[in-house]
Protein backbone atom coordinates (compact mmCIF):
# COMPACT_ATOMS: atom_id res chain seq x y z
CA MET A 1 2.52 0.98 12.44
CA ALA A 2 3.70 3.20 9.66
CA GLU A 3 6.49 2.25 7.33
CA TYR A 4 9.30 4.73 6.11
CA ALA A 5 11.93 4.38 3.49
CA VAL A 6 15.35 5.42 4.53
CA LEU A 7 17.59 6.21 1.48
CA ILE A 8 21.33 6.26 2.13
CA TYR A 9 23.25 8.88 0.13
CA VAL A 10 27.09 8.66 0.29
CA HIS A 11 30.03 9.09 -2.23
CA ASP A 12 29.53 5.40 -3.24
CA SER A 13 28.44 1.99 -2.18
CA ALA A 14 30.42 0.23 0.55
CA HIS A 15 29.80 -2.91 -1.17
CA ALA A 16 32.46 -2.85 -3.94
CA PRO A 17 33.59 -6.21 -5.35
CA ASP A 18 36.87 -5.69 -3.25
CA ALA A 19 35.32 -4.69 -0.02
CA THR A 20 36.57 -6.33 3.07
CA PRO A 21 34.73 -7.23 6.14
CA GLU A 22 36.24 -4.35 8.04
CA ASP A 23 34.84 -1.96 5.27
CA LEU A 24 31.45 -3.24 6.00
CA GLN A 25 31.56 -3.56 9.64
CA GLN A 26 29.77 -0.24 10.52
CA CYS A 27 27.11 -0.83 8.10
CA ASP A 28 26.44 -4.45 9.12
CA GLN A 29 26.32 -3.41 12.75
CA HIS A 30 23.66 -0.81 12.22
CA SER A 31 21.75 -3.34 10.20
CA ASP A 32 22.00 -5.91 12.67
CA GLU A 33 20.85 -3.46 15.45
CA LEU A 34 17.68 -2.59 13.32
CA ALA A 35 16.85 -6.33 12.79
CA ASP A 36 17.30 -7.07 16.22
CA SER A 37 15.10 -4.49 17.48
CA GLY A 38 12.29 -5.73 15.15
CA THR A 39 12.13 -2.14 13.45
CA MET A 40 13.55 -3.24 9.89
CA VAL A 41 11.18 -4.48 7.48
CA ALA A 42 13.67 -4.74 4.39
CA ALA A 43 17.12 -3.64 3.51
CA TYR A 44 18.85 -3.39 0.10
CA ALA A 45 22.35 -2.50 -0.31
CA LEU A 46 23.21 -1.47 -3.96
CA THR A 47 26.62 -1.99 -6.00
CA PRO A 48 28.82 0.77 -6.70
CA ARG A 49 27.83 3.60 -9.07
CA ASP A 50 30.06 2.31 -11.93
CA MET A 51 27.85 -0.70 -12.15
CA ALA A 52 24.54 1.48 -12.85
CA THR A 53 22.99 1.69 -16.16
CA SER A 54 20.73 4.56 -16.85
CA ILE A 55 17.81 4.87 -19.16
CA ARG A 56 16.55 8.41 -20.28
CA GLY A 57 14.07 8.43 -23.18
CA ASP A 58 15.51 6.20 -25.84
CA VAL A 59 19.21 6.52 -24.72
CA ILE A 60 20.86 3.92 -22.38
CA THR A 61 24.15 4.98 -20.77
CA ASP A 62 26.67 3.39 -18.41
CA GLY A 63 26.69 4.98 -14.99
CA PRO A 64 24.17 6.64 -12.72
CA PHE A 65 21.33 8.69 -13.83
CA LEU A 66 22.81 12.02 -12.61
CA GLU A 67 26.41 12.89 -12.06
CA SER A 68 26.57 14.25 -8.52
CA LYS A 69 28.80 14.04 -5.49
CA GLU A 70 26.56 11.56 -3.65
CA VAL A 71 24.47 8.60 -4.98
CA VAL A 72 21.81 6.32 -3.48
CA ALA A 73 23.92 3.42 -1.99
CA GLY A 74 21.25 1.61 -0.64
CA PHE A 75 17.98 1.78 1.25
CA TYR A 76 15.96 0.03 3.90
CA VAL A 77 12.38 0.23 5.22
CA ILE A 78 11.58 0.54 8.94
CA GLU A 79 8.32 0.51 10.93
CA ALA A 80 7.97 3.43 13.35
CA PRO A 81 4.85 4.90 15.19
CA ASP A 82 5.48 8.32 13.54
CA LEU A 83 8.00 10.42 11.49
CA ASP A 84 9.74 11.63 14.51
CA ALA A 85 10.52 8.07 15.75
CA ALA A 86 11.53 7.30 12.20
CA LEU A 87 13.90 10.20 12.05
CA ALA A 88 15.47 9.11 15.39
CA ILE A 89 16.10 5.71 14.16
CA ALA A 90 17.54 6.98 10.75
CA ARG A 91 19.68 9.52 12.48
CA ARG A 92 21.85 6.46 13.79
CA ASP A 93 22.70 5.53 10.25
CA PRO A 94 26.53 5.42 9.68
CA ALA A 95 26.17 7.54 6.52
CA VAL A 96 25.03 10.52 8.71
CA THR A 97 28.29 10.58 10.58
CA SER A 98 30.62 9.63 7.82
CA GLY A 99 29.96 12.66 5.67
CA GLY A 100 26.86 11.39 3.63
CA GLY A 101 23.28 11.53 4.66
CA VAL A 102 19.89 9.85 4.58
CA GLU A 103 16.48 10.78 3.37
CA VAL A 104 13.42 9.55 5.16
CA ARG A 105 10.20 9.07 3.38
CA PRO A 106 6.82 7.66 4.35
CA VAL A 107 5.87 4.55 2.43
CA HIS A 108 2.73 4.97 0.33
CA SER A 109 2.28 1.50 -0.88
CA SER A 110 4.37 -1.58 -1.32
CA PHE A 111 4.46 -4.97 -2.81
CA VAL A 112 6.76 -8.01 -1.96
CA ARG A 113 6.78 -11.02 -3.98
CA SER A 114 6.40 -14.07 -2.03
CA ALA A 115 9.09 -16.91 -1.98
CA ALA A 116 6.41 -19.18 -3.72
CA GLU A 117 5.88 -16.60 -6.37
CA ALA A 118 9.66 -16.16 -6.89
CA ALA A 119 10.11 -20.01 -7.21
CA GLY A 120 7.82 -19.97 -10.23
């Protein structure tokens, strides 16, 4: 089955240090549904944009790479039989109905470090 990356674009990450369980409820519910269905391969929530550090050439700056209305707040990888199925799954992401959006891209290749390798 093919893998698709779903990049979540919103004003900022919902995972601020002062986020409450209520702030995260819709995102967590969507994530749980994907995990329970066996569709989700991996998921990563990113910290808020003000915690980013960007590198361009020899210059390192605080903040996101681009100043824009929306940033990548997180991403997940799903398995789906084809792009149409992946789009149907991604369309249910809470970002789509709350003023943000998602981008779906086929995964070309991947690497995941095993737990044994991480332990050293």
